[in-house]
Amino acid sequence: MRRLLLSACLLLAAPAFARPPHERIAASLVAGSCPTPQWPHTAIRLEEILPTKIAFLIGTDGRVRNATIEHSAGHRLWDEAVIKALSRCRFRAGRIDGKPVPDVIRMQHIWTRD
């Protein structure tokens, strides 16, 4: 009876050892790789500009495949300047079980006057 019980326990435990959970690592920004967005030549006051929030689809090679404005700065030229600059950042692709996969990174840019 003990032998039968031990065999049943081993059979029930085997799938847990055979299939470990998937390890997921999110895509990430390479520190210091982003150029500063250039001020567009418009007559908008800084007080009127909101933070720009963007979602980037990062490909398996770490490059930006698509950029979407999730929250506008309030003017198309300011949003385009942010996308142009931040699309040139370098990224590390997301990974599942060590294999690169597409992933989304959300970023925000707050305009300031230096």
Protein backbone atom coordinates (compact mmCIF):
# COMPACT_ATOMS: atom_id res chain seq x y z
CA MET A 1 0.00 0.00 0.00
CA ARG A 2 2.86 2.38 0.82
CA ARG A 3 4.42 1.71 -2.54
CA LEU A 4 1.19 2.48 -4.35
CA LEU A 5 0.71 5.69 -2.37
CA LEU A 6 4.30 6.80 -3.09
CA SER A 7 3.85 6.13 -6.84
CA ALA A 8 0.61 8.12 -6.88
CA CYS A 9 2.28 11.06 -5.13
CA LEU A 10 5.16 11.04 -7.62
CA LEU A 11 2.78 10.97 -10.56
CA LEU A 12 0.83 13.92 -9.21
CA ALA A 13 4.01 15.92 -8.52
CA ALA A 14 5.69 15.23 -11.88
CA PRO A 15 3.87 17.89 -13.95
CA ALA A 16 5.01 20.63 -11.54
CA PHE A 17 8.65 19.72 -12.18
CA ALA A 18 8.15 19.21 -15.92
CA ARG A 19 6.63 22.66 -16.60
CA PRO A 20 8.20 25.55 -14.70
CA PRO A 21 6.32 28.86 -14.82
CA HIS A 22 7.20 31.21 -17.68
CA GLU A 23 9.77 33.80 -16.75
CA ARG A 24 8.76 37.19 -18.16
CA ILE A 25 11.09 40.16 -18.29
CA ALA A 26 9.55 43.45 -19.43
CA ALA A 27 11.17 45.60 -22.12
CA SER A 28 13.37 48.30 -20.65
CA LEU A 29 15.00 51.58 -21.54
CA VAL A 30 18.79 51.70 -21.87
CA ALA A 31 19.79 54.36 -19.33
CA GLY A 32 21.16 57.58 -20.80
CA SER A 33 20.21 56.66 -24.37
CA CYS A 34 17.45 59.22 -24.97
CA PRO A 35 18.09 62.53 -26.70
CA THR A 36 16.33 65.59 -25.30
CA PRO A 37 13.31 66.66 -27.37
CA GLN A 38 13.90 69.97 -29.16
CA TRP A 39 11.57 72.90 -28.52
CA PRO A 40 9.25 73.39 -31.49
CA HIS A 41 9.21 76.92 -32.83
CA THR A 42 5.72 77.95 -31.70
CA ALA A 43 4.33 80.76 -29.63
CA ILE A 44 2.85 78.53 -26.93
CA ARG A 45 3.52 79.50 -23.32
CA LEU A 46 5.05 76.83 -21.08
CA GLU A 47 2.09 77.06 -18.70
CA GLU A 48 -0.19 75.79 -21.48
CA ILE A 49 1.85 72.66 -22.14
CA LEU A 50 0.83 69.40 -20.47
CA PRO A 51 3.06 66.34 -20.00
CA THR A 52 3.13 64.10 -23.06
CA LYS A 53 2.45 60.41 -22.36
CA ILE A 54 3.47 57.93 -25.04
CA ALA A 55 3.24 54.16 -25.48
CA PHE A 56 5.99 52.56 -27.55
CA LEU A 57 5.73 49.10 -29.06
CA ILE A 58 9.24 47.65 -28.79
CA GLY A 59 10.15 44.93 -31.29
CA THR A 60 12.19 41.81 -30.59
CA ASP A 61 15.30 43.69 -31.77
CA GLY A 62 14.78 46.47 -29.19
CA ARG A 63 13.70 49.07 -31.76
CA VAL A 64 10.56 51.16 -31.66
CA ARG A 65 7.93 49.68 -34.00
CA ASN A 66 5.08 52.03 -33.19
CA ALA A 67 4.44 55.07 -31.00
CA THR A 68 1.05 56.20 -29.74
CA ILE A 69 0.22 59.41 -27.89
CA GLU A 70 -1.82 58.42 -24.83
CA HIS A 71 -2.02 61.96 -23.45
CA SER A 72 -1.23 65.01 -25.59
CA ALA A 73 0.83 68.03 -24.52
CA GLY A 74 -1.96 70.07 -26.04
CA HIS A 75 -0.38 70.76 -29.41
CA ARG A 76 0.58 68.45 -32.28
CA LEU A 77 4.05 70.00 -32.75
CA TRP A 78 5.00 69.34 -29.13
CA ASP A 79 3.77 65.73 -29.33
CA GLU A 80 5.67 65.13 -32.57
CA ALA A 81 8.88 66.52 -31.05
CA VAL A 82 8.60 64.10 -28.13
CA ILE A 83 7.91 61.11 -30.39
CA LYS A 84 10.79 62.06 -32.70
CA ALA A 85 13.30 62.28 -29.84
CA LEU A 86 12.14 59.38 -27.67
CA SER A 87 11.81 57.02 -30.65
CA ARG A 88 15.60 57.29 -30.94
CA CYS A 89 16.11 55.91 -27.42
CA ARG A 90 17.63 52.48 -27.14
CA PHE A 91 15.60 49.70 -25.56
CA ARG A 92 16.09 46.12 -24.49
CA ALA A 93 13.39 43.81 -25.84
CA GLY A 94 11.02 42.05 -23.47
CA ARG A 95 11.71 38.36 -22.92
CA ILE A 96 9.73 35.26 -22.09
CA ASP A 97 11.81 32.25 -21.11
CA GLY A 98 14.88 34.03 -22.47
CA LYS A 99 13.41 34.59 -25.94
CA PRO A 100 12.82 38.18 -27.17
CA VAL A 101 9.17 39.18 -27.55
CA PRO A 102 7.44 42.44 -28.54
CA ASP A 103 6.44 44.55 -25.54
CA VAL A 104 4.98 47.97 -24.72
CA ILE A 105 6.79 50.68 -22.76
CA ARG A 106 4.96 53.77 -21.51
CA MET A 107 6.92 56.98 -21.06
CA GLN A 108 6.15 60.54 -20.08
CA HIS A 109 7.94 63.75 -21.05
CA ILE A 110 7.47 66.96 -19.08
CA TRP A 111 8.53 70.09 -20.92
CA THR A 112 10.77 72.43 -18.92
CA ARG A 113 12.76 75.55 -19.74
CA ASP A 114 16.42 75.25 -18.79
